[in-house]
């Protein structure tokens, strides 16, 4: 272990936190495995809830909406029962963490949006997507009776996980499942602008090719009203392709001034 690594581990263990990590579309709690292991090695507690619909690819996902995703995270918070947590969401997971924070603001020490959607009350992720992406996802949803959205290999490899080895890209692709339609296209209901009222940070990935330049940062990050923003060298799937730098950035975000 390097001197910097030892210092980070000592620092982490003297100021332990609880991180709740919410995964993005098509993936499950497994996408955080590398980040979770790094955070735990630094002395932190980590909870990685799985959102509904992460089972067999053929299961019906038409029933899954925002409330179901939020309930899964709230159940994890209730089962844990510790003090305020650092609640982080990757990509579409940002939609869920905002709604969780809206219901339990007292349990949130900080929100961290990891190349994630930051929505206002009444918006959907589909509303803020570029038109071409929105149309492509809508077309993919038409291929299934439950409108769940499959992920094509070509899109995954070229735009989401382009920095990965072919082995990692293929192994992770085999674990992807169709993403429920409703959490992408149904508006969120927020009683308060939690992303501006609570301590919040944004982690932007500089080689992200899922959206046009500027979409995530400053497009989404700019909605946090001057919150700390860190730019990390990685593609959209940094939880898989660069878990250690991402974990370290989460630690830094958790320690940022409120």
Protein backbone atom coordinates (compact mmCIF):
# COMPACT_ATOMS: atom_id res chain seq x y z
CA UNK A 1 0.00 0.00 0.00
CA UNK A 2 1.32 3.45 -0.87
CA UNK A 3 1.84 6.19 1.70
CA UNK A 4 -1.20 8.01 0.29
CA UNK A 5 -3.24 4.82 0.54
CA UNK A 6 -2.26 4.31 4.17
CA UNK A 7 -3.14 7.92 4.97
CA UNK A 8 -6.53 7.59 3.29
CA UNK A 9 -7.26 4.38 5.18
CA UNK A 10 -6.31 5.93 8.51
CA UNK A 11 -8.38 9.02 7.75
CA UNK A 12 -11.37 6.90 6.73
CA UNK A 13 -11.24 4.84 9.91
CA UNK A 14 -11.02 7.89 12.16
CA UNK A 15 -14.07 9.45 10.55
CA UNK A 16 -16.29 6.52 9.53
CA UNK A 17 -19.46 7.25 7.58
CA UNK A 18 -22.37 5.25 6.25
CA UNK A 19 -22.74 5.34 2.47
CA UNK A 20 -25.94 4.27 0.73
CA UNK A 21 -25.21 3.69 -2.95
CA UNK A 22 -28.09 3.56 -5.46
CA UNK A 23 -27.33 1.98 -8.82
CA UNK A 24 -28.30 3.21 -12.26
CA UNK A 25 -30.34 1.82 -15.14
CA UNK A 26 -29.99 -1.78 -16.35
CA UNK A 27 -27.74 -2.68 -13.43
CA UNK A 28 -28.16 -3.89 -9.87
CA UNK A 29 -26.46 -3.56 -6.51
CA UNK A 30 -23.60 -5.63 -7.96
CA UNK A 31 -22.40 -2.61 -9.98
CA UNK A 32 -21.13 -1.05 -6.73
CA UNK A 33 -19.07 -4.08 -5.63
CA UNK A 34 -15.67 -2.52 -6.30
CA UNK A 35 -16.64 0.84 -4.78
CA UNK A 36 -18.16 -0.88 -1.75
CA UNK A 37 -15.03 -2.93 -1.14
CA UNK A 38 -12.81 0.15 -1.32
CA UNK A 39 -15.04 2.16 1.04
CA UNK A 40 -15.16 -0.69 3.54
CA UNK A 41 -11.39 -1.01 3.39
CA UNK A 42 -11.26 2.65 4.40
CA UNK A 43 -13.40 1.89 7.45
CA UNK A 44 -16.80 3.04 6.22
CA UNK A 45 -20.15 1.26 6.32
CA UNK A 46 -21.78 0.68 2.93
CA UNK A 47 -25.34 -0.23 1.96
CA UNK A 48 -26.14 -1.10 -1.66
CA UNK A 49 -29.89 -1.64 -2.09
CA UNK A 50 -31.16 -3.30 -5.25
CA UNK A 51 -34.05 -1.53 -6.95
CA UNK A 52 -37.06 -3.63 -8.05
CA UNK A 53 -36.97 -5.52 -11.33
CA UNK A 54 -33.41 -6.81 -11.13
CA UNK A 55 -34.32 -10.48 -11.46
CA UNK A 56 -34.91 -12.63 -14.51
CA UNK A 57 -34.93 -10.71 -17.78
CA UNK A 58 -38.34 -12.09 -18.69
CA UNK A 59 -40.16 -10.87 -15.58
CA UNK A 60 -42.92 -8.28 -15.90
CA UNK A 61 -41.56 -4.83 -14.99
CA UNK A 62 -44.59 -2.78 -16.02
CA UNK A 63 -45.68 -2.25 -12.39
CA UNK A 64 -42.45 -0.61 -11.21
CA UNK A 65 -42.56 3.14 -10.64
CA UNK A 66 -40.82 5.81 -8.61
CA UNK A 67 -42.57 4.83 -5.38
CA UNK A 68 -41.27 1.26 -5.66
CA UNK A 69 -37.68 2.41 -6.15
CA UNK A 70 -37.94 4.84 -3.24
CA UNK A 71 -39.48 2.17 -1.01
CA UNK A 72 -36.53 -0.15 -1.67
CA UNK A 73 -34.05 2.48 -0.51
CA UNK A 74 -36.16 3.53 2.48
CA UNK A 75 -36.37 -0.10 3.57
CA UNK A 76 -32.58 -0.28 3.50
CA UNK A 77 -32.35 2.90 5.58
CA UNK A 78 -34.87 1.57 8.09
CA UNK A 79 -33.11 -1.77 8.37
CA UNK A 80 -29.81 -0.02 9.04
CA UNK A 81 -31.10 2.35 11.69
CA UNK A 82 -27.92 4.40 12.05
CA UNK A 83 -27.55 8.18 11.92
CA UNK A 84 -27.52 10.37 8.80
CA UNK A 85 -26.03 8.75 5.69
CA UNK A 86 -24.20 9.84 2.57
CA UNK A 87 -26.74 8.99 -0.14
CA UNK A 88 -25.21 8.59 -3.59
CA UNK A 89 -26.92 7.81 -6.88
CA UNK A 90 -25.41 6.87 -10.23
CA UNK A 91 -27.11 8.01 -13.46
CA UNK A 92 -30.87 7.36 -13.13
CA UNK A 93 -30.20 6.62 -9.46
CA UNK A 94 -30.06 10.38 -9.01
CA UNK A 95 -33.82 10.48 -9.57
CA UNK A 96 -34.33 8.03 -6.73
CA UNK A 97 -32.02 9.67 -4.20
CA UNK A 98 -33.73 13.03 -4.62
CA UNK A 99 -37.09 11.45 -3.81
CA UNK A 100 -35.68 9.52 -0.86
CA UNK A 101 -34.17 12.73 0.52
CA UNK A 102 -37.51 14.49 0.02
CA UNK A 103 -39.15 11.95 2.32
CA UNK A 104 -36.34 11.58 4.88
CA UNK A 105 -34.26 14.78 4.85
CA UNK A 106 -33.26 14.28 8.47
CA UNK A 107 -31.52 11.02 7.56
CA UNK A 108 -29.33 12.52 4.83
CA UNK A 109 -25.92 13.98 5.68
CA UNK A 110 -25.12 14.64 2.01
CA UNK A 111 -26.42 13.83 -1.46
CA UNK A 112 -23.86 12.82 -4.08
CA UNK A 113 -24.94 12.70 -7.73
CA UNK A 114 -22.55 10.51 -9.74
CA UNK A 115 -23.05 11.51 -13.39
CA UNK A 116 -26.68 11.50 -12.35
CA UNK A 117 -29.99 13.13 -13.16
CA UNK A 118 -30.94 16.08 -10.95
CA UNK A 119 -34.64 16.71 -11.53
CA UNK A 120 -37.01 19.45 -10.46
CA UNK A 121 -40.53 18.76 -9.24
CA UNK A 122 -42.73 17.69 -12.15
CA UNK A 123 -39.86 16.67 -14.46
CA UNK A 124 -38.96 13.22 -15.73
CA UNK A 125 -35.59 11.96 -16.86
CA UNK A 126 -37.09 11.63 -20.32
CA UNK A 127 -38.04 15.31 -20.28
CA UNK A 128 -34.44 16.47 -19.87
CA UNK A 129 -32.80 13.96 -22.21
CA UNK A 130 -31.74 15.08 -25.68
CA UNK A 131 -34.46 14.29 -28.17
CA UNK A 132 -32.44 11.67 -30.01
CA UNK A 133 -31.74 9.71 -26.82
CA UNK A 134 -35.36 9.96 -25.71
CA UNK A 135 -36.57 8.66 -29.06
CA UNK A 136 -34.06 5.80 -29.06
CA UNK A 137 -35.13 4.67 -25.58
CA UNK A 138 -38.81 4.92 -26.53
CA UNK A 139 -38.16 2.74 -29.57
CA UNK A 140 -36.36 0.14 -27.45
CA UNK A 141 -39.29 0.07 -25.03
CA UNK A 142 -41.61 -0.89 -27.89
CA UNK A 143 -39.80 -4.23 -28.24
CA UNK A 144 -41.32 -5.58 -25.00
CA UNK A 145 -44.90 -5.98 -23.82
CA UNK A 146 -44.07 -4.45 -20.42
CA UNK A 147 -42.23 -1.56 -22.13
CA UNK A 148 -39.07 -2.30 -20.14
CA UNK A 149 -36.04 -0.91 -21.94
CA UNK A 150 -33.34 -3.36 -23.08
CA UNK A 151 -29.72 -2.29 -23.48
CA UNK A 152 -28.16 -3.11 -26.89
CA UNK A 153 -24.59 -4.38 -26.77
CA UNK A 154 -23.38 -1.80 -29.30
CA UNK A 155 -24.70 1.10 -27.20
CA UNK A 156 -23.27 -0.34 -23.99
CA UNK A 157 -19.83 -0.87 -25.48
CA UNK A 158 -19.50 2.36 -27.43
CA UNK A 159 -21.18 4.92 -25.18
CA UNK A 160 -21.37 3.59 -21.63
CA UNK A 161 -18.34 1.44 -20.92
CA UNK A 162 -15.95 2.31 -23.74
CA UNK A 163 -12.82 2.46 -21.54
CA UNK A 164 -13.25 -1.08 -20.19
CA UNK A 165 -11.47 -4.19 -21.34
CA UNK A 166 -13.53 -6.36 -23.67
CA UNK A 167 -13.80 -8.95 -20.90
CA UNK A 168 -15.25 -6.50 -18.38
CA UNK A 169 -17.58 -5.01 -20.97
CA UNK A 170 -18.95 -8.42 -21.94
CA UNK A 171 -19.16 -9.80 -18.41
CA UNK A 172 -21.06 -6.76 -17.16
CA UNK A 173 -23.30 -6.74 -20.24
CA UNK A 174 -24.39 -10.30 -19.46
CA UNK A 175 -25.65 -9.10 -16.08
CA UNK A 176 -27.74 -6.21 -17.42
CA UNK A 177 -31.53 -6.46 -17.34
CA UNK A 178 -34.23 -4.43 -19.11
CA UNK A 179 -34.90 -1.21 -17.21
CA UNK A 180 -38.46 -0.38 -16.09
CA UNK A 181 -40.11 2.25 -18.27
CA UNK A 182 -42.03 4.30 -15.74
CA UNK A 183 -39.09 5.64 -13.65
CA UNK A 184 -37.58 7.04 -16.85
CA UNK A 185 -40.65 8.77 -18.26
CA UNK A 186 -42.92 9.56 -15.31
CA UNK A 187 -42.51 12.93 -13.53
CA UNK A 188 -41.13 13.06 -10.02
CA UNK A 189 -43.04 14.66 -7.17
CA UNK A 190 -40.87 16.62 -4.78
CA UNK A 191 -42.26 18.62 -1.88
CA UNK A 192 -39.03 20.61 -1.60
CA UNK A 193 -35.94 21.19 -3.79
CA UNK A 194 -33.80 18.85 -1.69
CA UNK A 195 -30.89 19.03 -4.13
CA UNK A 196 -30.55 22.71 -3.25
CA UNK A 197 -31.59 22.62 0.39
CA UNK A 198 -29.43 19.71 1.57
CA UNK A 199 -25.62 19.44 1.34
CA UNK A 200 -24.92 18.05 -2.13
CA UNK A 201 -22.03 17.23 -4.44
CA UNK A 202 -21.75 16.22 -8.09
CA UNK A 203 -19.18 13.84 -9.57
CA UNK A 204 -18.74 14.36 -13.32
CA UNK A 205 -16.98 11.77 -15.49
CA UNK A 206 -14.87 13.47 -18.16
CA UNK A 207 -15.02 10.63 -20.72
CA UNK A 208 -18.76 10.08 -20.39
CA UNK A 209 -20.27 9.56 -23.85
CA UNK A 210 -23.85 8.76 -22.90
CA UNK A 211 -25.01 12.33 -23.46
CA UNK A 212 -23.77 15.36 -25.43
CA UNK A 213 -20.94 17.39 -23.87
CA UNK A 214 -22.17 19.61 -21.06
CA UNK A 215 -25.28 17.56 -20.28
CA UNK A 216 -24.07 16.19 -16.96
CA UNK A 217 -21.74 19.06 -16.12
CA UNK A 218 -22.72 21.85 -16.03
CA UNK A 219 -26.22 20.81 -17.18
CA UNK A 220 -27.20 18.64 -14.22
CA UNK A 221 -24.52 19.78 -11.78
CA UNK A 222 -25.61 23.40 -12.24
CA UNK A 223 -28.94 22.56 -10.64
CA UNK A 224 -27.26 22.12 -7.26
CA UNK A 225 -26.73 25.83 -6.60
CA UNK A 226 -22.97 26.01 -6.23
CA UNK A 227 -22.44 22.57 -4.72
CA UNK A 228 -18.99 21.02 -4.92
CA UNK A 229 -18.23 19.42 -8.30
CA UNK A 230 -15.36 17.00 -8.91
CA UNK A 231 -14.36 15.91 -12.41
CA UNK A 232 -13.05 12.34 -12.62
CA UNK A 233 -11.22 10.71 -15.51
CA UNK A 234 -13.55 7.95 -16.57
CA UNK A 235 -16.51 6.81 -18.67
CA UNK A 236 -20.12 6.66 -17.54
CA UNK A 237 -19.60 3.29 -15.89
CA UNK A 238 -16.93 4.34 -13.41
CA UNK A 239 -18.50 2.14 -10.71
CA UNK A 240 -17.32 -0.76 -12.87
CA UNK A 241 -14.32 0.64 -14.75
CA UNK A 242 -12.65 2.75 -12.05
CA UNK A 243 -14.16 1.84 -8.67
CA UNK A 244 -11.21 2.92 -6.52
CA UNK A 245 -10.98 6.51 -7.83
CA UNK A 246 -14.74 6.78 -7.59
CA UNK A 247 -14.75 5.52 -4.00
CA UNK A 248 -12.03 7.99 -3.07
CA UNK A 249 -14.03 10.80 -4.69
CA UNK A 250 -17.10 9.77 -2.71
CA UNK A 251 -15.04 10.01 0.48
CA UNK A 252 -13.83 13.49 -0.51
CA UNK A 253 -17.37 14.58 -1.33
CA UNK A 254 -18.62 13.29 2.02
CA UNK A 255 -16.04 15.47 3.79
CA UNK A 256 -16.77 18.62 1.77
CA UNK A 257 -17.97 21.64 3.75
CA UNK A 258 -21.75 21.86 4.00
